[in-house]
N, C-alpha and C. Protein backbone atom coordinates (compact mmCIF):
# COMPACT_ATOMS: atom_id res chain seq x y z
N MET A 1 106.48 -75.51 -99.08
CA MET A 1 105.29 -75.24 -98.31
C MET A 1 104.92 -73.74 -98.38
N MET A 2 105.90 -72.88 -98.11
CA MET A 2 105.62 -71.44 -98.14
C MET A 2 105.34 -70.97 -99.56
N LEU A 3 105.99 -71.58 -100.53
CA LEU A 3 105.74 -71.22 -101.92
C LEU A 3 104.30 -71.56 -102.30
N GLY A 4 103.83 -72.70 -101.87
CA GLY A 4 102.45 -73.11 -102.14
C GLY A 4 101.44 -72.17 -101.51
N VAL A 5 101.71 -71.78 -100.27
CA VAL A 5 100.81 -70.86 -99.57
C VAL A 5 100.82 -69.50 -100.27
N SER A 6 101.99 -69.05 -100.69
CA SER A 6 102.09 -67.76 -101.39
C SER A 6 101.33 -67.78 -102.70
N VAL A 7 101.47 -68.86 -103.45
CA VAL A 7 100.75 -68.98 -104.72
C VAL A 7 99.25 -69.02 -104.47
N PHE A 8 98.82 -69.74 -103.44
CA PHE A 8 97.40 -69.84 -103.12
C PHE A 8 96.83 -68.47 -102.73
N LEU A 9 97.53 -67.75 -101.85
CA LEU A 9 97.04 -66.44 -101.43
C LEU A 9 97.07 -65.44 -102.59
N GLY A 10 98.08 -65.53 -103.42
CA GLY A 10 98.15 -64.65 -104.59
C GLY A 10 97.01 -64.91 -105.55
N SER A 11 96.69 -66.18 -105.75
CA SER A 11 95.59 -66.50 -106.66
C SER A 11 94.26 -66.04 -106.10
N ILE A 12 94.09 -66.11 -104.79
CA ILE A 12 92.86 -65.60 -104.17
C ILE A 12 92.76 -64.09 -104.39
N ALA A 13 93.88 -63.38 -104.25
CA ALA A 13 93.88 -61.93 -104.46
C ALA A 13 93.53 -61.58 -105.90
N VAL A 14 94.07 -62.34 -106.85
CA VAL A 14 93.77 -62.07 -108.26
C VAL A 14 92.30 -62.34 -108.56
N VAL A 15 91.77 -63.43 -108.02
CA VAL A 15 90.35 -63.75 -108.23
C VAL A 15 89.47 -62.66 -107.61
N ALA A 16 89.83 -62.18 -106.43
CA ALA A 16 89.04 -61.12 -105.78
C ALA A 16 89.09 -59.83 -106.60
N LEU A 17 90.25 -59.51 -107.14
CA LEU A 17 90.38 -58.32 -107.97
C LEU A 17 89.54 -58.44 -109.24
N MET A 18 89.61 -59.58 -109.89
CA MET A 18 88.82 -59.79 -111.11
C MET A 18 87.33 -59.72 -110.81
N TRP A 19 86.91 -60.29 -109.69
CA TRP A 19 85.50 -60.25 -109.31
C TRP A 19 85.06 -58.80 -109.07
N ALA A 20 85.89 -58.02 -108.38
CA ALA A 20 85.53 -56.62 -108.10
C ALA A 20 85.45 -55.81 -109.38
N ILE A 21 86.35 -56.04 -110.31
CA ILE A 21 86.30 -55.33 -111.59
C ILE A 21 85.05 -55.71 -112.36
N LYS A 22 84.73 -57.01 -112.36
CA LYS A 22 83.55 -57.49 -113.10
C LYS A 22 82.26 -56.92 -112.50
N LYS A 23 82.20 -56.78 -111.20
CA LYS A 23 80.99 -56.29 -110.53
C LYS A 23 80.90 -54.76 -110.52
N GLY A 24 81.94 -54.07 -111.01
CA GLY A 24 81.88 -52.62 -111.09
C GLY A 24 82.22 -51.90 -109.81
N GLN A 25 83.01 -52.51 -108.95
CA GLN A 25 83.37 -51.88 -107.69
C GLN A 25 84.21 -50.62 -107.87
N PHE A 26 84.91 -50.51 -108.98
CA PHE A 26 85.81 -49.38 -109.20
C PHE A 26 85.22 -48.34 -110.15
N ASP A 27 83.98 -48.51 -110.56
CA ASP A 27 83.34 -47.57 -111.48
C ASP A 27 82.75 -46.39 -110.70
N ASP A 28 82.97 -45.21 -111.22
CA ASP A 28 82.40 -44.00 -110.63
C ASP A 28 82.05 -43.06 -111.77
N GLU A 29 80.91 -43.33 -112.40
CA GLU A 29 80.52 -42.58 -113.59
C GLU A 29 80.23 -41.12 -113.29
N GLU A 30 79.78 -40.83 -112.08
CA GLU A 30 79.34 -39.47 -111.76
C GLU A 30 80.45 -38.61 -111.15
N LYS A 31 81.64 -39.12 -111.00
CA LYS A 31 82.71 -38.37 -110.34
C LYS A 31 82.98 -37.05 -111.05
N PHE A 32 83.19 -37.10 -112.35
CA PHE A 32 83.53 -35.89 -113.08
C PHE A 32 82.32 -34.99 -113.26
N LEU A 33 81.14 -35.57 -113.37
CA LEU A 33 79.94 -34.75 -113.50
C LEU A 33 79.68 -33.96 -112.22
N ASN A 34 79.85 -34.59 -111.07
CA ASN A 34 79.66 -33.89 -109.80
C ASN A 34 80.74 -32.84 -109.58
N ALA A 35 81.95 -33.10 -110.03
CA ALA A 35 83.02 -32.13 -109.87
C ALA A 35 82.71 -30.86 -110.65
N VAL A 36 82.16 -31.00 -111.83
CA VAL A 36 81.82 -29.84 -112.65
C VAL A 36 80.65 -29.07 -112.03
N LYS A 37 79.70 -29.77 -111.47
CA LYS A 37 78.53 -29.11 -110.88
C LYS A 37 78.92 -28.21 -109.71
N PHE A 38 79.88 -28.63 -108.92
CA PHE A 38 80.19 -27.92 -107.69
C PHE A 38 81.42 -27.02 -107.80
N ASP A 39 82.02 -26.90 -108.98
CA ASP A 39 83.13 -25.98 -109.17
C ASP A 39 82.60 -24.55 -109.22
N THR A 40 83.33 -23.66 -108.59
CA THR A 40 82.96 -22.25 -108.63
C THR A 40 83.86 -21.53 -109.63
N VAL A 41 83.54 -20.29 -109.90
CA VAL A 41 84.35 -19.49 -110.82
C VAL A 41 85.76 -19.33 -110.26
N GLU A 42 85.87 -19.17 -108.94
CA GLU A 42 87.19 -19.02 -108.32
C GLU A 42 88.03 -20.28 -108.52
N ASP A 43 87.40 -21.46 -108.39
CA ASP A 43 88.13 -22.71 -108.60
C ASP A 43 88.65 -22.80 -110.03
N LEU A 44 87.82 -22.43 -110.98
CA LEU A 44 88.24 -22.48 -112.38
C LEU A 44 89.36 -21.48 -112.66
N ASN A 45 89.27 -20.28 -112.08
CA ASN A 45 90.33 -19.29 -112.24
C ASN A 45 91.64 -19.77 -111.61
N ASP A 46 91.55 -20.39 -110.44
CA ASP A 46 92.75 -20.93 -109.79
C ASP A 46 93.40 -22.01 -110.66
N ALA A 47 92.59 -22.87 -111.25
CA ALA A 47 93.13 -23.92 -112.12
C ALA A 47 93.80 -23.32 -113.35
N ALA A 48 93.20 -22.29 -113.93
CA ALA A 48 93.79 -21.65 -115.11
C ALA A 48 95.10 -20.96 -114.74
N ASN A 49 95.14 -20.30 -113.59
CA ASN A 49 96.38 -19.65 -113.15
C ASN A 49 97.48 -20.67 -112.88
N LEU A 50 97.12 -21.79 -112.31
CA LEU A 50 98.10 -22.85 -112.05
C LEU A 50 98.68 -23.39 -113.35
N GLU A 51 97.84 -23.56 -114.35
CA GLU A 51 98.33 -24.02 -115.66
C GLU A 51 99.27 -23.00 -116.28
N ARG A 52 98.96 -21.72 -116.15
CA ARG A 52 99.84 -20.68 -116.68
C ARG A 52 101.20 -20.71 -115.98
N LYS A 53 101.19 -20.88 -114.66
CA LYS A 53 102.45 -20.95 -113.92
C LYS A 53 103.27 -22.16 -114.36
N LYS A 54 102.60 -23.29 -114.58
CA LYS A 54 103.32 -24.49 -115.03
C LYS A 54 103.96 -24.26 -116.39
N GLU A 55 103.25 -23.59 -117.28
CA GLU A 55 103.80 -23.31 -118.61
C GLU A 55 105.01 -22.38 -118.52
N LYS A 56 104.93 -21.36 -117.65
CA LYS A 56 106.06 -20.45 -117.49
C LYS A 56 107.29 -21.19 -116.97
N LEU A 57 107.07 -22.06 -115.97
CA LEU A 57 108.19 -22.82 -115.42
C LEU A 57 108.76 -23.79 -116.45
N LYS A 58 107.89 -24.34 -117.27
CA LYS A 58 108.34 -25.26 -118.31
C LYS A 58 109.21 -24.54 -119.33
N LYS A 59 108.82 -23.31 -119.68
CA LYS A 59 109.59 -22.53 -120.64
C LYS A 59 110.95 -22.13 -120.08
N LYS A 60 111.01 -21.91 -118.77
CA LYS A 60 112.27 -21.54 -118.13
C LYS A 60 113.22 -22.74 -118.00
N GLY A 61 112.70 -23.92 -118.20
CA GLY A 61 113.53 -25.11 -118.10
C GLY A 61 113.55 -25.72 -116.71
N TYR A 62 112.62 -25.34 -115.86
CA TYR A 62 112.54 -25.89 -114.51
C TYR A 62 112.07 -27.34 -114.58
N ARG A 63 112.82 -28.21 -113.93
CA ARG A 63 112.45 -29.62 -113.88
C ARG A 63 112.55 -30.11 -112.45
N PRO A 64 111.44 -30.39 -111.79
CA PRO A 64 111.52 -30.91 -110.41
C PRO A 64 112.11 -32.31 -110.41
N GLU A 65 112.88 -32.59 -109.42
CA GLU A 65 113.54 -33.90 -109.32
C GLU A 65 112.64 -34.88 -108.63
């Protein structure tokens, strides 16, 4: 009985997910375009500095657990 209910509810979830993907519920074409529009020079400099720090730590052999 519980196995049947679990399979039924799981199949409903899969159908709902497929429907949402088909209808474009997860699409956001403008996300990256809007992010670029509203970035400032300071944000870009911060991102570049963060990448440099990551590279330095990588060269030192730092590995976060």
